[in-house]
Each structure stands twice: as structure tokens, then as C-alpha cells.
């Protein structure tokens, strides 16, 4: 999956959680936050800090690879 500047990160994170078959509570425990934080991020009421974004993807079995050359481009690959 390749992301560009206009990618909706909240949808990406929610999709990653659902694909990994984790509940919000299970994900929260894995990444060290509350279920309420997961819910706020998925509903677009809060933006994830980089630390949470990285841990979230890792907990869902995704690998974050950041590449940049003149434009912002992020690849998220399955491990």
C-alpha cells in the first residue's frame, strides 16, 4: 500500500486493525494506550502521534517504510 499526502490516515489505521482482527481494546493493550484513544483516532477526533502510528501498524503486522524524494511517500508493507 502506498500513501501520499492526501491519504486518510484514520481510515488506514482502522482498516489495519480490522484486517488483523483485533478489537479496539486488544490493540490498545498492545500499543500502550487506552481504548478511548483508539476510538478517538478511528473516528477522526484525534490525530495519532508518530509513536502511536508506528506501534499501531506494527501491532497489526504492518511495517512502516518512509521514503522521500521531493514529495512525501510512505510505503506500508506486510511483514
N, C-alpha and C. Protein backbone atom coordinates (compact mmCIF):
# COMPACT_ATOMS: atom_id res chain seq x y z
N UNK A 1 0.85 -1.16 0.00
CA UNK A 1 0.00 0.00 0.00
C UNK A 1 0.90 1.23 0.00
N UNK A 2 0.65 2.13 -0.88
CA UNK A 2 1.46 3.34 -0.98
C UNK A 2 0.60 4.53 -0.58
N UNK A 3 1.14 5.38 0.26
CA UNK A 3 0.41 6.54 0.75
C UNK A 3 1.03 7.82 0.20
N UNK A 4 0.18 8.79 -0.06
CA UNK A 4 0.64 10.09 -0.48
C UNK A 4 0.04 11.13 0.45
N UNK A 5 0.31 12.39 0.20
CA UNK A 5 -0.08 13.47 1.10
C UNK A 5 -1.56 13.49 1.45
N UNK A 6 -2.43 13.13 0.55
CA UNK A 6 -3.86 13.23 0.80
C UNK A 6 -4.48 11.94 1.36
N UNK A 7 -3.67 11.00 1.80
CA UNK A 7 -4.18 9.74 2.34
C UNK A 7 -4.87 9.98 3.68
N UNK A 8 -6.01 9.36 3.87
CA UNK A 8 -6.74 9.45 5.13
C UNK A 8 -6.13 8.44 6.11
N UNK A 9 -5.33 8.92 7.04
CA UNK A 9 -4.63 8.04 7.96
C UNK A 9 -5.57 7.34 8.93
N UNK A 10 -6.67 7.99 9.32
CA UNK A 10 -7.58 7.34 10.25
C UNK A 10 -8.21 6.10 9.61
N UNK A 11 -8.59 6.22 8.35
CA UNK A 11 -9.16 5.05 7.65
C UNK A 11 -8.11 3.95 7.50
N UNK A 12 -6.88 4.34 7.19
CA UNK A 12 -5.81 3.37 7.05
C UNK A 12 -5.59 2.60 8.36
N UNK A 13 -5.56 3.32 9.48
CA UNK A 13 -5.33 2.67 10.77
C UNK A 13 -6.49 1.76 11.15
N UNK A 14 -7.70 2.21 10.93
CA UNK A 14 -8.87 1.39 11.25
C UNK A 14 -8.88 0.13 10.39
N UNK A 15 -8.59 0.28 9.10
CA UNK A 15 -8.54 -0.87 8.20
C UNK A 15 -7.47 -1.86 8.64
N UNK A 16 -6.30 -1.36 9.03
CA UNK A 16 -5.23 -2.24 9.50
C UNK A 16 -5.67 -3.02 10.73
N UNK A 17 -6.37 -2.36 11.66
CA UNK A 17 -6.85 -3.05 12.87
C UNK A 17 -7.87 -4.12 12.51
N UNK A 18 -8.81 -3.78 11.66
CA UNK A 18 -9.85 -4.74 11.28
C UNK A 18 -9.27 -5.92 10.51
N UNK A 19 -8.32 -5.67 9.63
CA UNK A 19 -7.67 -6.76 8.88
C UNK A 19 -6.91 -7.70 9.80
N UNK A 20 -6.38 -7.17 10.89
CA UNK A 20 -5.62 -8.01 11.82
C UNK A 20 -6.53 -8.66 12.86
N UNK A 21 -7.84 -8.38 12.75
CA UNK A 21 -8.86 -8.97 13.62
C UNK A 21 -8.61 -8.68 15.10
N UNK A 22 -8.19 -7.46 15.38
CA UNK A 22 -8.00 -7.00 16.76
C UNK A 22 -9.17 -6.11 17.14
N UNK A 23 -9.63 -6.24 18.37
CA UNK A 23 -10.63 -5.31 18.89
C UNK A 23 -9.90 -4.02 19.28
N UNK A 24 -10.65 -2.97 19.51
CA UNK A 24 -10.02 -1.73 19.95
C UNK A 24 -9.30 -1.95 21.28
N UNK A 25 -9.89 -2.71 22.16
CA UNK A 25 -9.28 -3.00 23.47
C UNK A 25 -7.98 -3.78 23.31
N UNK A 26 -7.99 -4.80 22.47
CA UNK A 26 -6.77 -5.60 22.25
C UNK A 26 -5.65 -4.74 21.67
N UNK A 27 -5.99 -3.91 20.69
CA UNK A 27 -5.00 -3.05 20.08
C UNK A 27 -4.44 -2.06 21.11
N UNK A 28 -5.32 -1.47 21.89
CA UNK A 28 -4.88 -0.50 22.91
C UNK A 28 -3.87 -1.13 23.86
N UNK A 29 -4.12 -2.34 24.29
CA UNK A 29 -3.19 -3.03 25.19
C UNK A 29 -1.85 -3.28 24.51
N UNK A 30 -1.88 -3.65 23.24
CA UNK A 30 -0.64 -3.93 22.51
C UNK A 30 0.21 -2.68 22.31
N UNK A 31 -0.42 -1.53 22.13
CA UNK A 31 0.34 -0.33 21.81
C UNK A 31 0.52 0.62 23.00
N UNK A 32 -0.06 0.26 24.13
CA UNK A 32 0.17 1.05 25.34
C UNK A 32 -0.64 2.33 25.43
N UNK A 33 -1.90 2.25 25.03
CA UNK A 33 -2.78 3.40 25.20
C UNK A 33 -4.15 2.89 25.65
N UNK A 34 -5.12 3.76 25.73
CA UNK A 34 -6.46 3.34 26.15
C UNK A 34 -7.34 3.04 24.93
N UNK A 35 -8.41 2.30 25.17
CA UNK A 35 -9.37 2.03 24.10
C UNK A 35 -9.99 3.34 23.61
N UNK A 36 -10.17 4.27 24.53
CA UNK A 36 -10.74 5.57 24.17
C UNK A 36 -9.84 6.31 23.17
N UNK A 37 -8.53 6.20 23.34
CA UNK A 37 -7.60 6.83 22.40
C UNK A 37 -7.74 6.21 21.02
N UNK A 38 -7.81 4.88 20.96
CA UNK A 38 -8.01 4.17 19.69
C UNK A 38 -9.30 4.63 19.03
N UNK A 39 -10.36 4.71 19.81
CA UNK A 39 -11.67 5.12 19.29
C UNK A 39 -11.62 6.55 18.75
N UNK A 40 -10.99 7.46 19.49
CA UNK A 40 -10.88 8.86 19.04
C UNK A 40 -10.11 8.96 17.73
N UNK A 41 -9.04 8.20 17.60
CA UNK A 41 -8.24 8.24 16.37
C UNK A 41 -9.05 7.69 15.20
N UNK A 42 -9.72 6.56 15.41
CA UNK A 42 -10.50 5.95 14.33
C UNK A 42 -11.68 6.81 13.90
N UNK A 43 -12.21 7.61 14.82
CA UNK A 43 -13.35 8.48 14.50
C UNK A 43 -12.92 9.87 14.04
N UNK A 44 -11.60 10.08 13.93
CA UNK A 44 -11.10 11.36 13.44
C UNK A 44 -11.16 12.49 14.45
N UNK A 45 -11.40 12.18 15.72
CA UNK A 45 -11.45 13.23 16.74
C UNK A 45 -10.08 13.53 17.32
N UNK A 46 -9.09 12.71 16.99
CA UNK A 46 -7.73 12.91 17.47
C UNK A 46 -6.78 12.40 16.40
N UNK A 47 -5.65 13.05 16.26
CA UNK A 47 -4.64 12.59 15.30
C UNK A 47 -3.59 11.79 16.05
N UNK A 48 -3.17 10.66 15.47
CA UNK A 48 -2.18 9.85 16.17
C UNK A 48 -0.80 10.51 16.14
N UNK A 49 -0.14 10.47 17.26
CA UNK A 49 1.25 10.89 17.31
C UNK A 49 2.07 9.82 16.58
N UNK A 50 3.26 10.18 16.12
CA UNK A 50 4.08 9.23 15.37
C UNK A 50 4.29 7.92 16.13
N UNK A 51 4.57 8.03 17.43
CA UNK A 51 4.83 6.83 18.24
C UNK A 51 3.63 5.87 18.19
N UNK A 52 2.43 6.41 18.34
CA UNK A 52 1.22 5.58 18.30
C UNK A 52 1.00 5.03 16.90
N UNK A 53 1.19 5.86 15.89
CA UNK A 53 1.03 5.44 14.50
C UNK A 53 1.93 4.24 14.19
N UNK A 54 3.19 4.36 14.56
CA UNK A 54 4.17 3.29 14.32
C UNK A 54 3.79 2.02 15.09
N UNK A 55 3.47 2.16 16.38
CA UNK A 55 3.11 0.98 17.19
C UNK A 55 1.83 0.32 16.68
N UNK A 56 0.88 1.12 16.26
CA UNK A 56 -0.40 0.63 15.75
C UNK A 56 -0.14 -0.28 14.55
N UNK A 57 0.61 0.24 13.58
CA UNK A 57 0.89 -0.55 12.38
C UNK A 57 1.67 -1.81 12.71
N UNK A 58 2.64 -1.70 13.58
CA UNK A 58 3.44 -2.85 13.99
C UNK A 58 2.56 -3.91 14.67
N UNK A 59 1.66 -3.49 15.55
CA UNK A 59 0.76 -4.41 16.24
C UNK A 59 -0.17 -5.13 15.26
N UNK A 60 -0.45 -4.49 14.14
CA UNK A 60 -1.33 -5.06 13.12
C UNK A 60 -0.56 -5.86 12.07
N UNK A 61 0.74 -6.04 12.30
CA UNK A 61 1.55 -6.84 11.39
C UNK A 61 2.01 -6.10 10.15
N UNK A 62 2.02 -4.77 10.21
CA UNK A 62 2.46 -3.95 9.09
C UNK A 62 3.84 -3.36 9.41
N UNK A 63 4.58 -3.06 8.38
CA UNK A 63 5.89 -2.44 8.54
C UNK A 63 5.86 -1.08 7.89
N UNK A 64 6.33 -0.07 8.59
CA UNK A 64 6.35 1.28 8.07
C UNK A 64 7.70 1.57 7.44
N UNK A 65 7.68 1.95 6.17
CA UNK A 65 8.90 2.33 5.46
C UNK A 65 8.66 3.72 4.90
N UNK A 66 9.48 4.66 5.29
CA UNK A 66 9.31 6.03 4.82
C UNK A 66 10.40 6.34 3.80
N UNK A 67 9.96 6.76 2.62
CA UNK A 67 10.88 7.17 1.56
C UNK A 67 10.44 8.55 1.09
N UNK A 68 11.38 9.38 0.81
CA UNK A 68 11.01 10.71 0.35
C UNK A 68 12.02 11.22 -0.66
N UNK A 69 11.51 11.73 -1.75
CA UNK A 69 12.32 12.43 -2.72
C UNK A 69 11.43 13.47 -3.39
N UNK A 70 11.52 14.68 -2.93
CA UNK A 70 10.75 15.83 -3.40
C UNK A 70 9.28 15.78 -2.99
N UNK A 71 8.68 14.61 -2.87
CA UNK A 71 7.30 14.51 -2.40
C UNK A 71 7.26 13.51 -1.25
N UNK A 72 6.24 13.63 -0.47
CA UNK A 72 6.08 12.70 0.65
C UNK A 72 5.51 11.40 0.14
N UNK A 73 6.17 10.31 0.44
CA UNK A 73 5.71 8.99 0.00
C UNK A 73 6.01 8.00 1.12
N UNK A 74 5.01 7.26 1.52
CA UNK A 74 5.17 6.28 2.59
C UNK A 74 4.65 4.95 2.10
N UNK A 75 5.44 3.91 2.27
CA UNK A 75 5.01 2.55 1.97
C UNK A 75 4.71 1.84 3.28
N UNK A 76 3.62 1.12 3.31
CA UNK A 76 3.31 0.29 4.45
C UNK A 76 3.20 -1.13 3.93
N UNK A 77 4.12 -1.97 4.32
CA UNK A 77 4.19 -3.33 3.82
C UNK A 77 3.88 -4.32 4.91
N UNK A 78 3.30 -5.46 4.53
CA UNK A 78 3.08 -6.55 5.46
C UNK A 78 4.43 -7.17 5.72
N UNK A 79 4.70 -7.50 6.97
CA UNK A 79 5.99 -8.11 7.35
C UNK A 79 6.19 -9.43 6.65
